[in-house]
Amino acid sequence: MGLGFIIGVFGVLILFHAAYSTIQYRGLLKIMEEEFSGPPMNVVLELLLGFVFCIWAALTVPGNFLSIHPDSEENRIVSLAANLDFMIFNHRAKAFPLEIDIKLKH
């Protein structure tokens, strides 16, 4: 468990606390018979902080990005088996005509 994972868990806990605070605030407004116009500013700040922590953890925990260039040395070659048992030739494309004659109108 690295630092990124711990920050991600902390971010999720902050988001849960912000949701609980909003629910508690709405209950308080119902008791006081006031209109709900939005969450308080401290809940909005909690949401933003929790969101930033979760995004940071999501970008750092999985690891480094790998190259997608086909010429890269990091890429490995994945080949399909030469077994014809898994090839399907009976599919929706058989509904299309084999030769499509499209004539352009000038």
C-alpha atoms as a PDB file:
ATOM      1  CA  MET A   1       0.000   0.000   0.000  1.00  0.00           C
ATOM      2  CA  GLY A   2       1.701   3.094  -1.265  1.00  0.00           C
ATOM      3  CA  LEU A   3       1.075   6.716  -0.580  1.00  0.00           C
ATOM      4  CA  GLY A   4      -1.206   7.071  -3.615  1.00  0.00           C
ATOM      5  CA  PHE A   5      -3.506   4.319  -2.395  1.00  0.00           C
ATOM      6  CA  ILE A   6      -3.766   5.844   1.068  1.00  0.00           C
ATOM      7  CA  ILE A   7      -4.560   9.264  -0.410  1.00  0.00           C
ATOM      8  CA  GLY A   8      -7.237   7.624  -2.607  1.00  0.00           C
ATOM      9  CA  VAL A   9      -8.874   5.983   0.403  1.00  0.00           C
ATOM     10  CA  PHE A  10      -8.697   9.299   2.264  1.00  0.00           C
ATOM     11  CA  GLY A  11     -10.334  11.022  -0.726  1.00  0.00           C
ATOM     12  CA  VAL A  12     -13.192   8.516  -0.761  1.00  0.00           C
ATOM     13  CA  LEU A  13     -13.695   8.997   2.974  1.00  0.00           C
ATOM     14  CA  ILE A  14     -13.846  12.771   2.463  1.00  0.00           C
ATOM     15  CA  LEU A  15     -16.471  12.287  -0.267  1.00  0.00           C
ATOM     16  CA  PHE A  16     -18.557  10.067   2.027  1.00  0.00           C
ATOM     17  CA  HIS A  17     -18.288  12.654   4.789  1.00  0.00           C
ATOM     18  CA  ALA A  18     -19.410  15.409   2.423  1.00  0.00           C
ATOM     19  CA  ALA A  19     -22.440  13.325   1.406  1.00  0.00           C
ATOM     20  CA  TYR A  20     -23.303  12.640   5.042  1.00  0.00           C
ATOM     21  CA  SER A  21     -22.937  16.339   5.881  1.00  0.00           C
ATOM     22  CA  THR A  22     -25.265  17.289   3.033  1.00  0.00           C
ATOM     23  CA  ILE A  23     -27.898  14.792   4.194  1.00  0.00           C
ATOM     24  CA  GLN A  24     -27.584  16.062   7.763  1.00  0.00           C
ATOM     25  CA  TYR A  25     -27.852  19.684   6.552  1.00  0.00           C
ATOM     26  CA  ARG A  26     -31.025  18.912   4.567  1.00  0.00           C
ATOM     27  CA  GLY A  27     -32.550  17.243   7.629  1.00  0.00           C
ATOM     28  CA  LEU A  28     -31.756  20.333   9.689  1.00  0.00           C
ATOM     29  CA  LEU A  29     -33.403  22.552   7.075  1.00  0.00           C
ATOM     30  CA  LYS A  30     -36.535  20.375   7.132  1.00  0.00           C
ATOM     31  CA  ILE A  31     -36.756  20.783  10.898  1.00  0.00           C
ATOM     32  CA  MET A  32     -36.324  24.553  10.574  1.00  0.00           C
ATOM     33  CA  GLU A  33     -38.799  24.546   7.622  1.00  0.00           C
ATOM     34  CA  GLU A  34     -36.428  26.364   5.293  1.00  0.00           C
ATOM     35  CA  GLU A  35     -35.824  25.880   1.573  1.00  0.00           C
ATOM     36  CA  PHE A  36     -32.768  23.907   0.407  1.00  0.00           C
ATOM     37  CA  SER A  37     -30.828  26.116  -1.988  1.00  0.00           C
ATOM     38  CA  GLY A  38     -27.590  24.148  -2.037  1.00  0.00           C
ATOM     39  CA  PRO A  39     -24.995  22.613   0.219  1.00  0.00           C
ATOM     40  CA  PRO A  40     -22.940  24.816   2.544  1.00  0.00           C
ATOM     41  CA  MET A  41     -19.558  26.109   1.414  1.00  0.00           C
ATOM     42  CA  ASN A  42     -17.586  23.732   3.650  1.00  0.00           C
ATOM     43  CA  VAL A  43     -19.298  20.740   1.989  1.00  0.00           C
ATOM     44  CA  VAL A  44     -18.460  22.102  -1.467  1.00  0.00           C
ATOM     45  CA  LEU A  45     -14.824  22.484  -0.419  1.00  0.00           C
ATOM     46  CA  GLU A  46     -14.851  18.910   0.940  1.00  0.00           C
ATOM     47  CA  LEU A  47     -16.219  17.670  -2.373  1.00  0.00           C
ATOM     48  CA  LEU A  48     -13.519  19.450  -4.346  1.00  0.00           C
ATOM     49  CA  LEU A  49     -10.747  18.241  -2.041  1.00  0.00           C
ATOM     50  CA  GLY A  50     -12.023  14.651  -2.101  1.00  0.00           C
ATOM     51  CA  PHE A  51     -12.355  14.798  -5.883  1.00  0.00           C
ATOM     52  CA  VAL A  52      -8.779  16.057  -6.273  1.00  0.00           C
ATOM     53  CA  PHE A  53      -7.459  13.329  -3.960  1.00  0.00           C
ATOM     54  CA  CYS A  54      -9.365  10.616  -5.831  1.00  0.00           C
ATOM     55  CA  ILE A  55      -8.215  11.846  -9.247  1.00  0.00           C
ATOM     56  CA  TRP A  56      -4.611  12.056  -8.040  1.00  0.00           C
ATOM     57  CA  ALA A  57      -4.790   8.521  -6.668  1.00  0.00           C
ATOM     58  CA  ALA A  58      -6.404   7.209  -9.860  1.00  0.00           C
ATOM     59  CA  LEU A  59      -3.560   8.631 -11.921  1.00  0.00           C
ATOM     60  CA  THR A  60      -0.694   7.505  -9.687  1.00  0.00           C
ATOM     61  CA  VAL A  61      -1.740   4.118  -8.261  1.00  0.00           C
ATOM     62  CA  PRO A  62      -2.016   2.081 -11.504  1.00  0.00           C
ATOM     63  CA  GLY A  63       1.594   2.794 -12.501  1.00  0.00           C
ATOM     64  CA  ASN A  64       3.363   4.327 -15.452  1.00  0.00           C
ATOM     65  CA  PHE A  65       1.733   4.798 -18.813  1.00  0.00           C
ATOM     66  CA  LEU A  66       3.006   2.470 -21.519  1.00  0.00           C
ATOM     67  CA  SER A  67       3.774   3.368 -25.085  1.00  0.00           C
ATOM     68  CA  ILE A  68       1.151   2.622 -27.725  1.00  0.00           C
ATOM     69  CA  HIS A  69       3.414   3.167 -30.714  1.00  0.00           C
ATOM     70  CA  PRO A  70       3.695   0.021 -32.829  1.00  0.00           C
ATOM     71  CA  ASP A  71       7.453   0.489 -33.248  1.00  0.00           C
ATOM     72  CA  SER A  72       8.077   0.696 -29.506  1.00  0.00           C
ATOM     73  CA  GLU A  73      10.379  -1.819 -27.855  1.00  0.00           C
ATOM     74  CA  GLU A  74       8.016  -2.032 -24.882  1.00  0.00           C
ATOM     75  CA  ASN A  75       5.204  -3.551 -26.915  1.00  0.00           C
ATOM     76  CA  ARG A  76       4.903  -7.273 -27.042  1.00  0.00           C
ATOM     77  CA  ILE A  77       3.503  -9.124 -29.970  1.00  0.00           C
ATOM     78  CA  VAL A  78       0.223 -10.880 -29.318  1.00  0.00           C
ATOM     79  CA  SER A  79      -0.758 -13.261 -32.065  1.00  0.00           C
ATOM     80  CA  LEU A  80      -3.975 -15.112 -32.547  1.00  0.00           C
ATOM     81  CA  ALA A  81      -4.016 -18.847 -32.754  1.00  0.00           C
ATOM     82  CA  ALA A  82      -4.067 -20.350 -36.224  1.00  0.00           C
ATOM     83  CA  ASN A  83      -6.944 -22.596 -35.159  1.00  0.00           C
ATOM     84  CA  LEU A  84      -9.921 -22.177 -37.498  1.00  0.00           C
ATOM     85  CA  ASP A  85     -12.368 -23.531 -34.901  1.00  0.00           C
ATOM     86  CA  PHE A  86     -12.790 -20.098 -33.354  1.00  0.00           C
ATOM     87  CA  MET A  87     -13.356 -18.164 -36.591  1.00  0.00           C
ATOM     88  CA  ILE A  88     -16.981 -17.279 -37.272  1.00  0.00           C
ATOM     89  CA  PHE A  89     -18.156 -16.770 -40.824  1.00  0.00           C
ATOM     90  CA  ASN A  90     -21.920 -16.899 -40.187  1.00  0.00           C
ATOM     91  CA  HIS A  91     -22.690 -13.366 -39.024  1.00  0.00           C
ATOM     92  CA  ARG A  92     -24.751 -10.296 -39.955  1.00  0.00           C
ATOM     93  CA  ALA A  93     -22.511  -9.297 -42.840  1.00  0.00           C
ATOM     94  CA  LYS A  94     -24.037 -12.063 -44.951  1.00  0.00           C
ATOM     95  CA  ALA A  95     -27.130  -9.857 -45.311  1.00  0.00           C
ATOM     96  CA  PHE A  96     -25.150  -7.393 -47.421  1.00  0.00           C
ATOM     97  CA  PRO A  97     -24.719  -8.083 -51.111  1.00  0.00           C
ATOM     98  CA  LEU A  98     -21.275  -9.244 -52.157  1.00  0.00           C
ATOM     99  CA  GLU A  99     -20.918  -6.695 -54.925  1.00  0.00           C
ATOM    100  CA  ILE A 100     -22.209  -3.234 -54.300  1.00  0.00           C
ATOM    101  CA  ASP A 101     -23.003  -1.406 -57.529  1.00  0.00           C
ATOM    102  CA  ILE A 102     -23.339   2.251 -56.705  1.00  0.00           C
ATOM    103  CA  LYS A 103     -23.979   4.515 -59.635  1.00  0.00           C
ATOM    104  CA  LEU A 104     -23.386   8.167 -59.104  1.00  0.00           C
ATOM    105  CA  LYS A 105     -25.912  10.547 -60.579  1.00  0.00           C
ATOM    106  CA  HIS A 106     -24.376  13.532 -62.331  1.00  0.00           C
END
